[in-house]
Each structure stands twice: as C-alpha cells, then as structure tokens.
PDB file of N, CA and C in Angstrom:
ATOM      1  N   MET A   1      73.563 126.304 352.423  1.00  0.00           N
ATOM      2  CA  MET A   1      74.914 126.766 354.067  1.00  0.00           C
ATOM      3  C   MET A   1      75.575 127.958 352.707  1.00  0.00           C
ATOM      4  N   GLY A   2      75.265 129.091 353.321  1.00  0.00           N
ATOM      5  CA  GLY A   2      76.063 129.854 352.945  1.00  0.00           C
ATOM      6  C   GLY A   2      77.898 129.781 353.231  1.00  0.00           C
ATOM      7  N   GLU A   3      78.616 130.423 352.162  1.00  0.00           N
ATOM      8  CA  GLU A   3      80.029 130.798 351.684  1.00  0.00           C
ATOM      9  C   GLU A   3      80.535 131.672 353.109  1.00  0.00           C
ATOM     10  N   GLU A   4      81.140 131.116 353.938  1.00  0.00           N
ATOM     11  CA  GLU A   4      82.167 131.627 354.551  1.00  0.00           C
ATOM     12  C   GLU A   4      83.289 132.767 354.614  1.00  0.00           C
ATOM     13  N   GLN A   5      83.055 133.552 354.928  1.00  0.00           N
ATOM     14  CA  GLN A   5      83.719 135.044 354.400  1.00  0.00           C
ATOM     15  C   GLN A   5      84.929 134.854 355.045  1.00  0.00           C
ATOM     16  N   THR A   6      85.817 135.480 354.854  1.00  0.00           N
ATOM     17  CA  THR A   6      87.297 135.437 354.593  1.00  0.00           C
ATOM     18  C   THR A   6      87.420 136.942 353.808  1.00  0.00           C
ATOM     19  N   PHE A   7      88.852 137.135 355.258  1.00  0.00           N
ATOM     20  CA  PHE A   7      88.896 138.727 355.891  1.00  0.00           C
ATOM     21  C   PHE A   7      90.498 139.087 355.317  1.00  0.00           C
ATOM     22  N   VAL A   8      90.604 140.260 355.654  1.00  0.00           N
ATOM     23  CA  VAL A   8      91.921 140.340 354.851  1.00  0.00           C
ATOM     24  C   VAL A   8      92.277 142.143 355.669  1.00  0.00           C
ATOM     25  N   ASP A   9      92.885 141.662 356.705  1.00  0.00           N
ATOM     26  CA  ASP A   9      93.741 143.372 357.413  1.00  0.00           C
ATOM     27  C   ASP A   9      94.788 144.283 356.731  1.00  0.00           C
ATOM     28  N   LEU A  10      94.287 145.199 356.394  1.00  0.00           N
ATOM     29  CA  LEU A  10      95.397 145.890 355.623  1.00  0.00           C
ATOM     30  C   LEU A  10      95.692 147.514 356.403  1.00  0.00           C
ATOM     31  N   ARG A  11      96.981 147.167 356.332  1.00  0.00           N
ATOM     32  CA  ARG A  11      97.555 148.830 357.217  1.00  0.00           C
ATOM     33  C   ARG A  11      97.744 149.027 356.349  1.00  0.00           C
ATOM     34  N   LEU A  12      97.240 151.046 356.155  1.00  0.00           N
ATOM     35  CA  LEU A  12      97.971 151.624 355.259  1.00  0.00           C
ATOM     36  C   LEU A  12      98.120 152.724 356.430  1.00  0.00           C
ATOM     37  N   SER A  13      98.878 154.101 355.671  1.00  0.00           N
ATOM     38  CA  SER A  13      99.259 154.775 356.755  1.00  0.00           C
ATOM     39  C   SER A  13      97.339 156.050 356.612  1.00  0.00           C
ATOM     40  N   LEU A  14      97.622 157.413 357.581  1.00  0.00           N
ATOM     41  CA  LEU A  14      96.855 157.793 357.029  1.00  0.00           C
ATOM     42  C   LEU A  14      96.602 158.398 355.774  1.00  0.00           C
ATOM     43  N   GLU A  15      97.620 159.077 355.617  1.00  0.00           N
ATOM     44  CA  GLU A  15      98.638 159.829 354.463  1.00  0.00           C
ATOM     45  C   GLU A  15      97.498 158.638 352.675  1.00  0.00           C
ATOM     46  N   GLU A  16      98.206 157.657 353.076  1.00  0.00           N
ATOM     47  CA  GLU A  16      97.821 156.754 352.197  1.00  0.00           C
ATOM     48  C   GLU A  16      96.697 156.145 351.735  1.00  0.00           C
ATOM     49  N   ALA A  17      95.968 156.636 353.025  1.00  0.00           N
ATOM     50  CA  ALA A  17      94.413 155.664 353.274  1.00  0.00           C
ATOM     51  C   ALA A  17      93.419 156.642 352.944  1.00  0.00           C
ATOM     52  N   GLU A  18      93.643 158.311 353.163  1.00  0.00           N
ATOM     53  CA  GLU A  18      93.451 159.187 352.029  1.00  0.00           C
ATOM     54  C   GLU A  18      93.994 159.745 350.594  1.00  0.00           C
ATOM     55  N   ALA A  19      94.708 159.003 350.482  1.00  0.00           N
ATOM     56  CA  ALA A  19      94.972 159.397 348.924  1.00  0.00           C
ATOM     57  C   ALA A  19      94.168 158.278 348.244  1.00  0.00           C
ATOM     58  N   MET A  20      93.695 157.121 349.329  1.00  0.00           N
ATOM     59  CA  MET A  20      92.710 155.888 347.968  1.00  0.00           C
ATOM     60  C   MET A  20      90.948 156.263 347.807  1.00  0.00           C
ATOM     61  N   HIS A  21      91.349 157.012 349.049  1.00  0.00           N
ATOM     62  CA  HIS A  21      89.496 157.535 349.391  1.00  0.00           C
ATOM     63  C   HIS A  21      89.175 158.392 348.569  1.00  0.00           C
ATOM     64  N   ALA A  22      91.166 159.506 348.168  1.00  0.00           N
ATOM     65  CA  ALA A  22      90.367 160.502 347.211  1.00  0.00           C
ATOM     66  C   ALA A  22      90.010 160.068 345.463  1.00  0.00           C
ATOM     67  N   ALA A  23      91.328 159.047 345.524  1.00  0.00           N
ATOM     68  CA  ALA A  23      91.421 158.734 344.255  1.00  0.00           C
ATOM     69  C   ALA A  23      89.581 157.998 344.040  1.00  0.00           C
ATOM     70  N   LEU A  24      89.291 157.152 344.754  1.00  0.00           N
ATOM     71  CA  LEU A  24      87.971 156.816 344.325  1.00  0.00           C
ATOM     72  C   LEU A  24      86.798 157.612 344.364  1.00  0.00           C
ATOM     73  N   GLU A  25      87.238 159.074 345.682  1.00  0.00           N
ATOM     74  CA  GLU A  25      85.784 160.170 345.149  1.00  0.00           C
ATOM     75  C   GLU A  25      86.155 160.322 343.352  1.00  0.00           C
ATOM     76  N   GLU A  26      87.112 160.710 342.969  1.00  0.00           N
ATOM     77  CA  GLU A  26      87.193 160.940 341.699  1.00  0.00           C
ATOM     78  C   GLU A  26      86.699 160.055 340.462  1.00  0.00           C
ATOM     79  N   LEU A  27      86.824 158.741 341.457  1.00  0.00           N
ATOM     80  CA  LEU A  27      86.392 157.475 340.379  1.00  0.00           C
ATOM     81  C   LEU A  27      84.774 158.323 339.950  1.00  0.00           C
ATOM     82  N   LEU A  28      84.181 158.104 341.108  1.00  0.00           N
ATOM     83  CA  LEU A  28      82.654 157.662 341.777  1.00  0.00           C
ATOM     84  C   LEU A  28      81.890 158.977 340.567  1.00  0.00           C
ATOM     85  N   GLU A  29      83.454 160.358 341.117  1.00  0.00           N
ATOM     86  CA  GLU A  29      83.062 162.279 340.197  1.00  0.00           C
ATOM     87  C   GLU A  29      82.261 161.135 338.797  1.00  0.00           C
ATOM     88  N   GLY A  30      83.883 160.972 338.441  1.00  0.00           N
ATOM     89  CA  GLY A  30      83.936 161.496 336.991  1.00  0.00           C
ATOM     90  C   GLY A  30      83.114 160.024 336.340  1.00  0.00           C
ATOM     91  N   GLY A  31      82.521 160.074 336.407  1.00  0.00           N
ATOM     92  CA  GLY A  31      81.390 158.596 336.392  1.00  0.00           C
ATOM     93  C   GLY A  31      81.388 157.127 336.482  1.00  0.00           C
ATOM     94  N   TYR A  32      82.223 156.466 336.925  1.00  0.00           N
ATOM     95  CA  TYR A  32      82.501 155.239 337.119  1.00  0.00           C
ATOM     96  C   TYR A  32      81.654 154.829 337.738  1.00  0.00           C
ATOM     97  N   GLU A  33      80.704 153.755 337.711  1.00  0.00           N
ATOM     98  CA  GLU A  33      79.388 153.528 338.296  1.00  0.00           C
ATOM     99  C   GLU A  33      79.594 152.040 338.674  1.00  0.00           C
ATOM    100  N   SER A  34      79.903 151.655 340.373  1.00  0.00           N
ATOM    101  CA  SER A  34      79.802 151.104 340.274  1.00  0.00           C
ATOM    102  C   SER A  34      79.496 150.087 342.442  1.00  0.00           C
ATOM    103  N   SER A  35      78.707 149.289 342.573  1.00  0.00           N
ATOM    104  CA  SER A  35      77.889 149.152 343.624  1.00  0.00           C
ATOM    105  C   SER A  35      79.036 149.174 345.161  1.00  0.00           C
ATOM    106  N   ARG A  36      79.827 148.185 344.229  1.00  0.00           N
ATOM    107  CA  ARG A  36      81.049 147.568 345.082  1.00  0.00           C
ATOM    108  C   ARG A  36      82.114 148.678 345.576  1.00  0.00           C
ATOM    109  N   LEU A  37      82.231 149.918 344.095  1.00  0.00           N
ATOM    110  CA  LEU A  37      83.367 150.382 344.191  1.00  0.00           C
ATOM    111  C   LEU A  37      83.197 151.912 345.982  1.00  0.00           C
ATOM    112  N   GLU A  38      81.488 152.162 345.363  1.00  0.00           N
ATOM    113  CA  GLU A  38      80.586 152.814 346.368  1.00  0.00           C
ATOM    114  C   GLU A  38      80.766 152.507 346.943  1.00  0.00           C
ATOM    115  N   LYS A  39      80.724 151.014 348.002  1.00  0.00           N
ATOM    116  CA  LYS A  39      80.962 150.512 349.242  1.00  0.00           C
ATOM    117  C   LYS A  39      82.221 151.038 350.296  1.00  0.00           C
ATOM    118  N   LEU A  40      83.751 150.284 348.726  1.00  0.00           N
ATOM    119  CA  LEU A  40      84.389 150.146 348.938  1.00  0.00           C
ATOM    120  C   LEU A  40      84.890 152.152 349.743  1.00  0.00           C
ATOM    121  N   TYR A  41      84.304 153.112 349.074  1.00  0.00           N
ATOM    122  CA  TYR A  41      84.509 153.846 349.917  1.00  0.00           C
ATOM    123  C   TYR A  41      83.739 154.758 350.546  1.00  0.00           C
ATOM    124  N   ARG A  42      82.656 153.970 350.756  1.00  0.00           N
ATOM    125  CA  ARG A  42      82.021 153.745 352.149  1.00  0.00           C
ATOM    126  C   ARG A  42      83.344 153.225 353.815  1.00  0.00           C
ATOM    127  N   VAL A  43      83.417 152.190 352.881  1.00  0.00           N
ATOM    128  CA  VAL A  43      83.854 151.865 354.725  1.00  0.00           C
ATOM    129  C   VAL A  43      85.187 152.105 354.834  1.00  0.00           C
ATOM    130  N   LEU A  44      85.929 152.786 353.758  1.00  0.00           N
ATOM    131  CA  LEU A  44      87.630 153.513 354.276  1.00  0.00           C
ATOM    132  C   LEU A  44      87.404 154.783 354.560  1.00  0.00           C
ATOM    133  N   GLY A  45      86.037 155.649 353.793  1.00  0.00           N
ATOM    134  CA  GLY A  45      85.777 156.230 355.329  1.00  0.00           C
ATOM    135  C   GLY A  45      86.554 156.158 356.490  1.00  0.00           C
ATOM    136  N   TRP A  46      84.715 155.472 356.648  1.00  0.00           N
ATOM    137  CA  TRP A  46      84.970 155.113 357.626  1.00  0.00           C
ATOM    138  C   TRP A  46      85.838 154.997 358.274  1.00  0.00           C
ATOM    139  N   ARG A  47      86.505 153.951 358.079  1.00  0.00           N
ATOM    140  CA  ARG A  47      87.321 153.476 358.581  1.00  0.00           C
ATOM    141  C   ARG A  47      88.521 154.494 359.346  1.00  0.00           C
ATOM    142  N   ILE A  48      88.564 155.376 358.128  1.00  0.00           N
ATOM    143  CA  ILE A  48      89.418 156.929 357.985  1.00  0.00           C
ATOM    144  C   ILE A  48      88.753 157.222 359.745  1.00  0.00           C
ATOM    145  N   LEU A  49      87.240 157.926 359.287  1.00  0.00           N
ATOM    146  CA  LEU A  49      87.527 159.109 360.026  1.00  0.00           C
ATOM    147  C   LEU A  49      87.157 157.988 362.030  1.00  0.00           C
ATOM    148  N   ALA A  50      86.973 157.348 361.740  1.00  0.00           N
ATOM    149  CA  ALA A  50      87.967 156.253 362.875  1.00  0.00           C
ATOM    150  C   ALA A  50      89.283 156.366 364.057  1.00  0.00           C
ATOM    151  N   THR A  51      89.833 157.039 363.223  1.00  0.00           N
ATOM    152  CA  THR A  51      91.324 157.760 363.664  1.00  0.00           C
ATOM    153  C   THR A  51      91.531 158.598 363.945  1.00  0.00           C
ATOM    154  N   ARG A  52      90.354 159.307 363.960  1.00  0.00           N
ATOM    155  CA  ARG A  52      89.600 161.307 363.535  1.00  0.00           C
ATOM    156  C   ARG A  52      89.470 161.041 365.257  1.00  0.00           C
ATOM    157  N   GLU A  53      90.342 162.669 365.806  1.00  0.00           N
ATOM    158  CA  GLU A  53      90.459 162.958 367.652  1.00  0.00           C
ATOM    159  C   GLU A  53      88.597 163.806 367.406  1.00  0.00           C
ATOM    160  N   GLY A  54      89.622 165.175 366.574  1.00  0.00           N
ATOM    161  CA  GLY A  54      88.856 166.231 367.189  1.00  0.00           C
ATOM    162  C   GLY A  54      88.261 167.182 367.727  1.00  0.00           C
ATOM    163  N   SER A  55      86.206 168.190 367.978  1.00  0.00           N
ATOM    164  CA  SER A  55      86.107 168.669 368.949  1.00  0.00           C
ATOM    165  C   SER A  55      84.582 168.574 368.268  1.00  0.00           C
ATOM    166  N   GLY A  56      83.986 168.646 369.074  1.00  0.00           N
ATOM    167  CA  GLY A  56      82.455 168.764 368.953  1.00  0.00           C
ATOM    168  C   GLY A  56      81.806 168.056 368.143  1.00  0.00           C
ATOM    169  N   LEU A  57      80.885 168.254 366.837  1.00  0.00           N
ATOM    170  CA  LEU A  57      80.332 167.428 365.971  1.00  0.00           C
ATOM    171  C   LEU A  57      81.890 165.962 365.774  1.00  0.00           C
ATOM    172  N   THR A  58      82.539 166.657 365.033  1.00  0.00           N
ATOM    173  CA  THR A  58      83.518 166.081 364.485  1.00  0.00           C
ATOM    174  C   THR A  58      84.100 164.369 365.869  1.00  0.00           C
ATOM    175  N   LYS A  59      84.542 165.396 366.893  1.00  0.00           N
ATOM    176  CA  LYS A  59      84.984 163.762 368.045  1.00  0.00           C
ATOM    177  C   LYS A  59      83.655 163.016 367.685  1.00  0.00           C
ATOM    178  N   ARG A  60      82.722 163.368 368.388  1.00  0.00           N
ATOM    179  CA  ARG A  60      81.660 162.867 368.166  1.00  0.00           C
ATOM    180  C   ARG A  60      81.206 161.940 366.845  1.00  0.00           C
ATOM    181  N   MET A  61      81.055 162.105 366.393  1.00  0.00           N
ATOM    182  CA  MET A  61      81.108 161.001 364.590  1.00  0.00           C
ATOM    183  C   MET A  61      82.394 160.294 364.682  1.00  0.00           C
ATOM    184  N   ALA A  62      83.430 160.595 364.812  1.00  0.00           N
ATOM    185  CA  ALA A  62      84.591 159.771 365.052  1.00  0.00           C
ATOM    186  C   ALA A  62      84.215 158.417 365.999  1.00  0.00           C
ATOM    187  N   GLU A  63      83.881 158.914 367.083  1.00  0.00           N
ATOM    188  CA  GLU A  63      83.436 158.271 368.536  1.00  0.00           C
ATOM    189  C   GLU A  63      82.809 156.697 367.932  1.00  0.00           C
ATOM    190  N   LEU A  64      81.110 157.497 367.124  1.00  0.00           N
ATOM    191  CA  LEU A  64      80.348 156.285 366.564  1.00  0.00           C
ATOM    192  C   LEU A  64      81.170 155.872 365.443  1.00  0.00           C
ATOM    193  N   ALA A  65      82.598 156.269 364.899  1.00  0.00           N
ATOM    194  CA  ALA A  65      82.723 155.532 364.069  1.00  0.00           C
ATOM    195  C   ALA A  65      83.509 154.211 364.827  1.00  0.00           C
ATOM    196  N   ARG A  66      84.617 154.686 365.447  1.00  0.00           N
ATOM    197  CA  ARG A  66      85.102 153.594 366.362  1.00  0.00           C
ATOM    198  C   ARG A  66      84.325 152.778 366.978  1.00  0.00           C
ATOM    199  N   GLU A  67      83.230 152.761 366.982  1.00  0.00           N
ATOM    200  CA  GLU A  67      82.433 152.002 368.638  1.00  0.00           C
ATOM    201  C   GLU A  67      81.627 150.846 367.460  1.00  0.00           C
ATOM    202  N   ALA A  68      81.576 151.038 365.748  1.00  0.00           N
ATOM    203  CA  ALA A  68      80.572 150.080 365.196  1.00  0.00           C
ATOM    204  C   ALA A  68      81.318 148.726 364.995  1.00  0.00           C
ATOM    205  N   GLN A  69      81.129 148.454 364.623  1.00  0.00           N
ATOM    206  CA  GLN A  69      81.536 147.169 364.540  1.00  0.00           C
ATOM    207  C   GLN A  69      81.124 146.736 362.703  1.00  0.00           C
ATOM    208  N   SER A  70      80.495 147.559 362.086  1.00  0.00           N
ATOM    209  CA  SER A  70      80.443 147.410 360.780  1.00  0.00           C
ATOM    210  C   SER A  70      80.545 148.738 360.248  1.00  0.00           C
ATOM    211  N   LEU A  71      79.988 148.885 358.473  1.00  0.00           N
ATOM    212  CA  LEU A  71      79.892 149.891 357.747  1.00  0.00           C
ATOM    213  C   LEU A  71      78.630 150.275 358.271  1.00  0.00           C
ATOM    214  N   GLU A  72      77.823 149.444 358.157  1.00  0.00           N
ATOM    215  CA  GLU A  72      76.309 149.631 357.835  1.00  0.00           C
ATOM    216  C   GLU A  72      76.226 150.069 359.355  1.00  0.00           C
ATOM    217  N   GLU A  73      76.709 149.397 360.495  1.00  0.00           N
ATOM    218  CA  GLU A  73      76.137 149.875 361.886  1.00  0.00           C
ATOM    219  C   GLU A  73      76.927 151.508 362.345  1.00  0.00           C
ATOM    220  N   TYR A  74      77.193 152.214 361.627  1.00  0.00           N
ATOM    221  CA  TYR A  74      77.923 152.903 361.515  1.00  0.00           C
ATOM    222  C   TYR A  74      77.021 153.566 361.355  1.00  0.00           C
ATOM    223  N   GLU A  75      76.820 153.519 360.301  1.00  0.00           N
ATOM    224  CA  GLU A  75      75.765 155.002 359.096  1.00  0.00           C
ATOM    225  C   GLU A  75      74.619 154.401 359.902  1.00  0.00           C
ATOM    226  N   VAL A  76      74.310 153.157 361.025  1.00  0.00           N
ATOM    227  CA  VAL A  76      72.168 153.136 361.153  1.00  0.00           C
ATOM    228  C   VAL A  76      72.761 154.922 362.372  1.00  0.00           C
ATOM    229  N   ALA A  77      73.830 154.835 363.429  1.00  0.00           N
ATOM    230  CA  ALA A  77      74.122 155.364 364.526  1.00  0.00           C
ATOM    231  C   ALA A  77      74.833 156.577 363.571  1.00  0.00           C
ATOM    232  N   ARG A  78      75.244 157.067 363.434  1.00  0.00           N
ATOM    233  CA  ARG A  78      75.554 158.147 361.947  1.00  0.00           C
ATOM    234  C   ARG A  78      74.062 159.124 361.812  1.00  0.00           C
ATOM    235  N   ASP A  79      72.965 158.362 360.368  1.00  0.00           N
ATOM    236  CA  ASP A  79      72.242 158.528 360.863  1.00  0.00           C
ATOM    237  C   ASP A  79      70.540 159.372 362.065  1.00  0.00           C
ATOM    238  N   ARG A  80      71.210 158.823 362.919  1.00  0.00           N
ATOM    239  CA  ARG A  80      70.058 159.382 363.763  1.00  0.00           C
ATOM    240  C   ARG A  80      70.970 159.956 365.082  1.00  0.00           C
ATOM    241  N   GLU A  81      71.957 160.414 364.430  1.00  0.00           N
ATOM    242  CA  GLU A  81      72.522 161.835 365.004  1.00  0.00           C
ATOM    243  C   GLU A  81      72.766 162.113 364.763  1.00  0.00           C
ATOM    244  N   LEU A  82      73.061 162.513 362.839  1.00  0.00           N
ATOM    245  CA  LEU A  82      73.756 163.723 362.796  1.00  0.00           C
ATOM    246  C   LEU A  82      70.914 164.073 361.816  1.00  0.00           C
ATOM    247  N   GLY A  83      70.252 162.715 361.822  1.00  0.00           N
ATOM    248  CA  GLY A  83      69.516 162.852 361.545  1.00  0.00           C
ATOM    249  C   GLY A  83      68.713 164.001 362.304  1.00  0.00           C
ATOM    250  N   PRO A  84      68.229 164.835 363.823  1.00  0.00           N
ATOM    251  CA  PRO A  84      68.212 166.122 363.922  1.00  0.00           C
ATOM    252  C   PRO A  84      68.730 167.242 363.057  1.00  0.00           C
ATOM    253  N   ILE A  85      70.300 167.575 364.106  1.00  0.00           N
ATOM    254  CA  ILE A  85      71.193 168.375 362.987  1.00  0.00           C
ATOM    255  C   ILE A  85      70.669 168.901 361.931  1.00  0.00           C
ATOM    256  N   LEU A  86      70.927 167.515 360.154  1.00  0.00           N
ATOM    257  CA  LEU A  86      70.373 167.988 359.428  1.00  0.00           C
ATOM    258  C   LEU A  86      68.648 168.365 359.238  1.00  0.00           C
ATOM    259  N   ASP A  87      67.963 168.138 360.242  1.00  0.00           N
ATOM    260  CA  ASP A  87      67.189 168.475 359.752  1.00  0.00           C
ATOM    261  C   ASP A  87      66.561 169.565 359.922  1.00  0.00           C
ATOM    262  N   ASN A  88      66.874 170.783 361.096  1.00  0.00           N
ATOM    263  CA  ASN A  88      67.102 171.560 361.399  1.00  0.00           C
ATOM    264  C   ASN A  88      68.135 172.601 359.873  1.00  0.00           C
ATOM    265  N   LEU A  89      69.155 172.243 360.158  1.00  0.00           N
ATOM    266  CA  LEU A  89      69.439 173.035 359.207  1.00  0.00           C
ATOM    267  C   LEU A  89      68.910 173.105 357.512  1.00  0.00           C
ATOM    268  N   GLU A  90      68.468 171.685 356.710  1.00  0.00           N
ATOM    269  CA  GLU A  90      67.216 172.151 355.889  1.00  0.00           C
ATOM    270  C   GLU A  90      66.194 172.536 356.582  1.00  0.00           C
ATOM    271  N   SER A  91      65.833 173.344 357.722  1.00  0.00           N
ATOM    272  CA  SER A  91      64.493 173.969 357.568  1.00  0.00           C
ATOM    273  C   SER A  91      65.091 175.184 356.910  1.00  0.00           C
ATOM    274  N   GLY A  92      62.955 175.768 356.639  1.00  0.00           N
ATOM    275  CA  GLY A  92      63.327 176.463 355.842  1.00  0.00           C
ATOM    276  C   GLY A  92      63.923 177.695 356.609  1.00  0.00           C
ATOM    277  N   GLU A  93      63.551 178.649 357.893  1.00  0.00           N
ATOM    278  CA  GLU A  93      64.530 179.969 358.710  1.00  0.00           C
ATOM    279  C   GLU A  93      65.435 179.453 358.781  1.00  0.00           C
ATOM    280  N   ASN A  94      66.132 178.646 358.137  1.00  0.00           N
ATOM    281  CA  ASN A  94      67.432 178.154 358.563  1.00  0.00           C
ATOM    282  C   ASN A  94      68.026 178.544 356.700  1.00  0.00           C
ATOM    283  N   ARG A  95      67.368 178.553 355.795  1.00  0.00           N
ATOM    284  CA  ARG A  95      67.514 178.727 354.154  1.00  0.00           C
ATOM    285  C   ARG A  95      68.330 180.545 353.893  1.00  0.00           C
ATOM    286  N   ASP A  96      68.713 180.598 353.324  1.00  0.00           N
ATOM    287  CA  ASP A  96      68.926 181.423 352.475  1.00  0.00           C
ATOM    288  C   ASP A  96      68.441 182.547 351.532  1.00  0.00           C
ATOM    289  N   PRO A  97      67.641 183.195 352.132  1.00  0.00           N
ATOM    290  CA  PRO A  97      65.978 183.553 350.727  1.00  0.00           C
ATOM    291  C   PRO A  97      66.519 183.978 349.702  1.00  0.00           C
TER     292      PRO A  97
END
C-alpha cells in the first residue's frame, strides 16, 4: 500500500506569493536544476493565476486554474485551450521574415 500524503495549507498574500515565484524563477534561470523546485515553481504559478481576474485569454486561463483540482489537471486544460492558439502563432505566415 502507498503512503498517505499529508497536506499543508499555506496562506500568502499575493505580493508574497509573487515574490516567492520570482525567487524560484531566478534560481531556475540561474542554472539550479531540481525537479522538485521546478514543480514548486509551476504549482505556485498555477495558484497565483487562479487569483487573477483579467480579460480575454488571461481571464480564461485564470478560470481554468480555478477549476482544476491539481497542477496536472490545470496543465492539461491549459494545453488543450492554448494548443490551437500557439499553433496559429507559430505558423509560418505569422513569423517575421
């Protein structure tokens, strides 16, 4: 049988969460390689996005973030929504000559 996970609820102000996210990003961009750190960065980004309102694409991504029960669920939904948009942006006719 697998070990049961224990979860920690953590409340941060948006400002604190964004500062932590930026610090994690600096570590990752500075060459610090860690799959755990990368996942923490992604989880924090997902939860920050869930607090956003916005309009257009930002609003839709925030809605997906709020609806998702896990990071993985959010990333699948995000990729499903963004896939067609990114494909169009990356097409040859949208590139600079």
